[in-house]
Amino acid sequence: MKLGDLREAHQACTGKLGDVSRQLAFAGIALIWVFKTSGPEKQDIVPHELVWPAIFLVSALSCDFLQYAYSSILWGVYNRLKERRGTTTEEDFEISPYVNWPTNLFLYSKASSLAIGYVLLLKFLVSTRLA
């Protein structure tokens, strides 16, 4: 196996993690919506026990947005700078590994927020089923 193969595998896995996380966050929010109730004046009310799961699921979606927004800006700006400096499309160059740390931070924060949101959601589901 070559280093390039490892990078391709990592990119494929993180891309899939992003896709699955996004779908699971939306599914979790939809599940929370199922448990909403109507309060006075016909306002929709989310049960108190589901507020924190909702916050973590929305946080996961926010991290998803930030991950792709940062990456798009980073690689777009970097590409433009390289073009202006006359770098050809076939030329090799080095990139500092530190420039991608925010992307990884958002990725792992997204996965962590999703996991916490689902643990809290599962706790709610188990408690309502056993009650």
Protein backbone atom coordinates (compact mmCIF):
# COMPACT_ATOMS: atom_id res chain seq x y z
CA MET A 1 0.00 0.00 0.00
CA LYS A 2 1.19 3.48 -0.79
CA LEU A 3 0.72 6.70 1.12
CA GLY A 4 -1.58 7.92 -1.66
CA ASP A 5 -3.77 4.85 -1.12
CA LEU A 6 -4.06 5.69 2.57
CA ARG A 7 -5.04 9.26 1.74
CA GLU A 8 -7.68 8.09 -0.74
CA ALA A 9 -9.11 5.66 1.83
CA HIS A 10 -9.16 8.38 4.48
CA GLN A 11 -10.90 10.82 2.13
CA ALA A 12 -13.47 8.22 1.13
CA CYS A 13 -14.22 7.35 4.76
CA THR A 14 -14.45 10.94 5.97
CA GLY A 15 -16.70 11.80 3.02
CA LYS A 16 -18.99 8.89 3.87
CA LEU A 17 -18.92 9.87 7.57
CA GLY A 18 -20.07 13.35 6.57
CA ASP A 19 -22.91 12.00 4.44
CA VAL A 20 -24.12 9.51 7.05
CA SER A 21 -23.83 12.03 9.88
CA ARG A 22 -25.91 14.56 8.00
CA GLN A 23 -28.64 11.99 7.27
CA LEU A 24 -28.67 10.76 10.87
CA ALA A 25 -28.88 14.29 12.25
CA PHE A 26 -31.90 15.05 10.07
CA ALA A 27 -33.49 11.73 11.03
CA GLY A 28 -32.94 12.48 14.72
CA ILE A 29 -34.53 15.91 14.39
CA ALA A 30 -37.48 14.34 12.57
CA LEU A 31 -37.85 11.80 15.39
CA ILE A 32 -37.83 14.61 17.95
CA TRP A 33 -40.54 16.37 15.93
CA VAL A 34 -42.72 13.24 16.25
CA PHE A 35 -42.72 13.66 20.04
CA LYS A 36 -43.68 17.35 20.04
CA THR A 37 -46.92 18.29 21.71
CA SER A 38 -49.32 21.18 21.33
CA GLY A 39 -49.40 23.64 24.18
CA PRO A 40 -51.62 26.59 24.99
CA GLU A 41 -52.64 28.62 21.96
CA LYS A 42 -51.74 25.62 19.78
CA GLN A 43 -48.00 26.23 19.99
CA ASP A 44 -45.74 23.28 19.22
CA ILE A 45 -43.69 22.27 22.24
CA VAL A 46 -40.73 19.91 22.21
CA PRO A 47 -40.55 17.83 25.41
CA HIS A 48 -37.94 19.15 27.81
CA GLU A 49 -36.01 15.85 27.67
CA LEU A 50 -35.51 16.29 23.93
CA VAL A 51 -34.10 19.82 23.97
CA TRP A 52 -30.50 18.70 24.57
CA PRO A 53 -30.62 15.95 21.94
CA ALA A 54 -31.96 18.55 19.49
CA ILE A 55 -29.17 20.97 20.40
CA PHE A 56 -26.52 18.32 19.76
CA LEU A 57 -28.11 17.26 16.46
CA VAL A 58 -28.32 20.86 15.25
CA SER A 59 -24.73 21.32 16.43
CA ALA A 60 -23.72 18.34 14.28
CA LEU A 61 -25.36 19.95 11.25
CA SER A 62 -23.64 23.25 12.06
CA CYS A 63 -20.26 21.51 12.22
CA ASP A 64 -21.07 19.84 8.89
CA PHE A 65 -21.71 23.23 7.33
CA LEU A 66 -18.56 24.74 8.88
CA GLN A 67 -16.43 21.81 7.75
CA TYR A 68 -17.43 22.19 4.12
CA ALA A 69 -17.51 25.99 4.19
CA TYR A 70 -13.98 26.15 5.61
CA SER A 71 -12.69 23.50 3.18
CA SER A 72 -14.26 25.21 0.18
CA ILE A 73 -12.79 28.58 1.10
CA LEU A 74 -9.39 27.12 2.02
CA TRP A 75 -8.88 25.11 -1.16
CA GLY A 76 -10.41 27.78 -3.39
CA VAL A 77 -8.12 30.50 -2.02
CA TYR A 78 -5.09 28.19 -2.04
CA ASN A 79 -5.82 27.19 -5.64
CA ARG A 80 -6.14 30.81 -6.69
CA LEU A 81 -2.87 31.75 -4.98
CA LYS A 82 -1.06 28.91 -6.72
CA GLU A 83 -2.53 29.93 -10.09
CA ARG A 84 -1.37 33.53 -9.60
CA ARG A 85 2.14 32.32 -8.76
CA GLY A 86 2.26 30.45 -12.06
CA THR A 87 1.99 26.90 -10.71
CA THR A 88 1.11 24.52 -13.52
CA THR A 89 -1.54 21.80 -13.25
CA GLU A 90 1.14 19.07 -13.35
CA GLU A 91 3.55 20.65 -10.86
CA ASP A 92 4.00 19.10 -7.40
CA PHE A 93 4.12 21.32 -4.31
CA GLU A 94 3.97 20.95 -0.55
CA ILE A 95 1.07 21.98 1.68
CA SER A 96 1.37 22.43 5.42
CA PRO A 97 -0.60 19.73 7.24
CA TYR A 98 -1.82 22.37 9.68
CA VAL A 99 -4.09 24.09 7.15
CA ASN A 100 -6.53 21.16 7.25
CA TRP A 101 -6.78 20.89 11.04
CA PRO A 102 -9.95 23.00 11.26
CA THR A 103 -11.59 20.68 8.73
CA ASN A 104 -10.72 17.68 10.88
CA LEU A 105 -11.85 19.49 14.02
CA PHE A 106 -15.26 20.17 12.47
CA LEU A 107 -15.49 16.58 11.21
CA TYR A 108 -14.80 15.00 14.59
CA SER A 109 -16.93 17.58 16.41
CA LYS A 110 -19.79 16.71 14.06
CA ALA A 111 -19.43 12.99 14.76
CA SER A 112 -19.16 13.58 18.51
CA SER A 113 -22.18 15.88 18.62
CA LEU A 114 -24.18 13.36 16.63
CA ALA A 115 -23.19 10.52 18.95
CA ILE A 116 -24.09 12.51 22.08
CA GLY A 117 -27.39 13.59 20.53
CA TYR A 118 -28.29 10.00 19.72
CA VAL A 119 -27.29 8.71 23.16
CA LEU A 120 -29.59 11.31 24.74
CA LEU A 121 -32.33 10.49 22.26
CA LEU A 122 -31.97 6.78 22.99
CA LYS A 123 -32.10 7.51 26.72
CA PHE A 124 -35.39 9.35 26.17
CA LEU A 125 -36.83 6.54 24.06
CA VAL A 126 -35.89 3.89 26.61
CA SER A 127 -37.30 5.93 29.50
CA THR A 128 -40.62 6.53 27.71
CA ARG A 129 -40.88 2.87 26.73
CA LEU A 130 -40.21 1.69 30.27
CA ALA A 131 -42.43 4.29 31.92
